Amino acid sequence: DPKAMIKGTKMAFPGLKKDEDLANVIAYLKQFSK
């Protein structure tokens, strides 16, 4: 829970509407896990 860890932090994220957008984000993040 980010709000409990750091007071005054806002982490609002409405989500991704398209499956393609989600796939792009996952591919981007996988670059850093090698």
N, C-alpha and C. Protein backbone atom coordinates (compact mmCIF):
# COMPACT_ATOMS: atom_id res chain seq x y z
N ASP A 1 0.84 -1.19 0.00
CA ASP A 1 0.00 0.00 0.00
C ASP A 1 0.88 1.25 0.00
N PRO A 2 1.06 1.89 -1.15
CA PRO A 2 1.94 3.06 -1.25
C PRO A 2 1.53 4.22 -0.34
N LYS A 3 0.23 4.40 -0.17
CA LYS A 3 -0.23 5.53 0.66
C LYS A 3 0.15 5.34 2.12
N ALA A 4 0.23 4.11 2.58
CA ALA A 4 0.61 3.85 3.96
C ALA A 4 2.12 4.03 4.16
N MET A 5 2.90 3.73 3.13
CA MET A 5 4.35 3.83 3.22
C MET A 5 4.84 5.27 3.19
N ILE A 6 4.32 6.04 2.25
CA ILE A 6 4.76 7.43 2.08
C ILE A 6 3.52 8.32 2.06
N LYS A 7 3.39 9.11 3.10
CA LYS A 7 2.21 9.97 3.21
C LYS A 7 2.24 11.03 2.12
N GLY A 8 1.06 11.36 1.60
CA GLY A 8 0.94 12.41 0.60
C GLY A 8 1.26 11.96 -0.82
N THR A 9 1.47 10.67 -0.99
CA THR A 9 1.79 10.15 -2.32
C THR A 9 0.50 9.79 -3.05
N LYS A 10 0.45 10.14 -4.33
CA LYS A 10 -0.70 9.77 -5.14
C LYS A 10 -0.23 8.84 -6.24
N MET A 11 -0.82 7.67 -6.29
CA MET A 11 -0.47 6.70 -7.33
C MET A 11 -1.74 6.26 -8.06
N ALA A 12 -2.48 7.21 -8.56
CA ALA A 12 -3.70 6.88 -9.29
C ALA A 12 -3.32 6.37 -10.68
N PHE A 13 -3.79 5.19 -11.02
CA PHE A 13 -3.54 4.62 -12.34
C PHE A 13 -4.83 3.96 -12.81
N PRO A 14 -5.46 4.53 -13.82
CA PRO A 14 -6.75 4.01 -14.27
C PRO A 14 -6.67 2.69 -15.03
N GLY A 15 -5.47 2.28 -15.39
CA GLY A 15 -5.32 1.03 -16.14
C GLY A 15 -5.14 1.29 -17.62
N LEU A 16 -4.95 0.23 -18.35
CA LEU A 16 -4.75 0.32 -19.80
C LEU A 16 -5.99 -0.21 -20.49
N LYS A 17 -6.48 0.57 -21.45
CA LYS A 17 -7.73 0.20 -22.12
C LYS A 17 -7.51 -0.89 -23.18
N LYS A 18 -6.39 -0.81 -23.88
CA LYS A 18 -6.15 -1.74 -24.98
C LYS A 18 -5.17 -2.84 -24.58
N ASP A 19 -5.43 -4.05 -25.04
CA ASP A 19 -4.51 -5.17 -24.79
C ASP A 19 -3.13 -4.88 -25.38
N GLU A 20 -3.12 -4.19 -26.52
CA GLU A 20 -1.85 -3.86 -27.17
C GLU A 20 -1.00 -2.96 -26.28
N ASP A 21 -1.63 -2.00 -25.62
CA ASP A 21 -0.91 -1.11 -24.70
C ASP A 21 -0.31 -1.90 -23.54
N LEU A 22 -1.07 -2.82 -23.01
CA LEU A 22 -0.58 -3.65 -21.90
C LEU A 22 0.61 -4.49 -22.36
N ALA A 23 0.51 -5.07 -23.54
CA ALA A 23 1.61 -5.88 -24.07
C ALA A 23 2.86 -5.04 -24.26
N ASN A 24 2.69 -3.79 -24.70
CA ASN A 24 3.84 -2.90 -24.90
C ASN A 24 4.51 -2.57 -23.57
N VAL A 25 3.73 -2.33 -22.54
CA VAL A 25 4.29 -2.02 -21.22
C VAL A 25 5.04 -3.23 -20.68
N ILE A 26 4.47 -4.41 -20.83
CA ILE A 26 5.13 -5.63 -20.35
C ILE A 26 6.44 -5.85 -21.09
N ALA A 27 6.44 -5.65 -22.40
CA ALA A 27 7.67 -5.82 -23.19
C ALA A 27 8.72 -4.81 -22.75
N TYR A 28 8.30 -3.60 -22.47
CA TYR A 28 9.23 -2.56 -22.01
C TYR A 28 9.86 -2.95 -20.68
N LEU A 29 9.04 -3.41 -19.74
CA LEU A 29 9.55 -3.77 -18.42
C LEU A 29 10.46 -4.99 -18.47
N LYS A 30 10.19 -5.91 -19.39
CA LYS A 30 11.02 -7.12 -19.51
C LYS A 30 12.44 -6.79 -19.93
N GLN A 31 12.65 -5.65 -20.58
CA GLN A 31 13.99 -5.25 -20.99
C GLN A 31 14.91 -5.10 -19.78
N PHE A 32 14.35 -4.74 -18.64
CA PHE A 32 15.14 -4.44 -17.46
C PHE A 32 15.33 -5.64 -16.54
N SER A 33 14.72 -6.76 -16.87
CA SER A 33 14.79 -7.92 -15.98
C SER A 33 15.79 -8.97 -16.48
N LYS A 34 16.67 -8.59 -17.37
CA LYS A 34 17.64 -9.55 -17.92
C LYS A 34 18.85 -9.68 -17.05
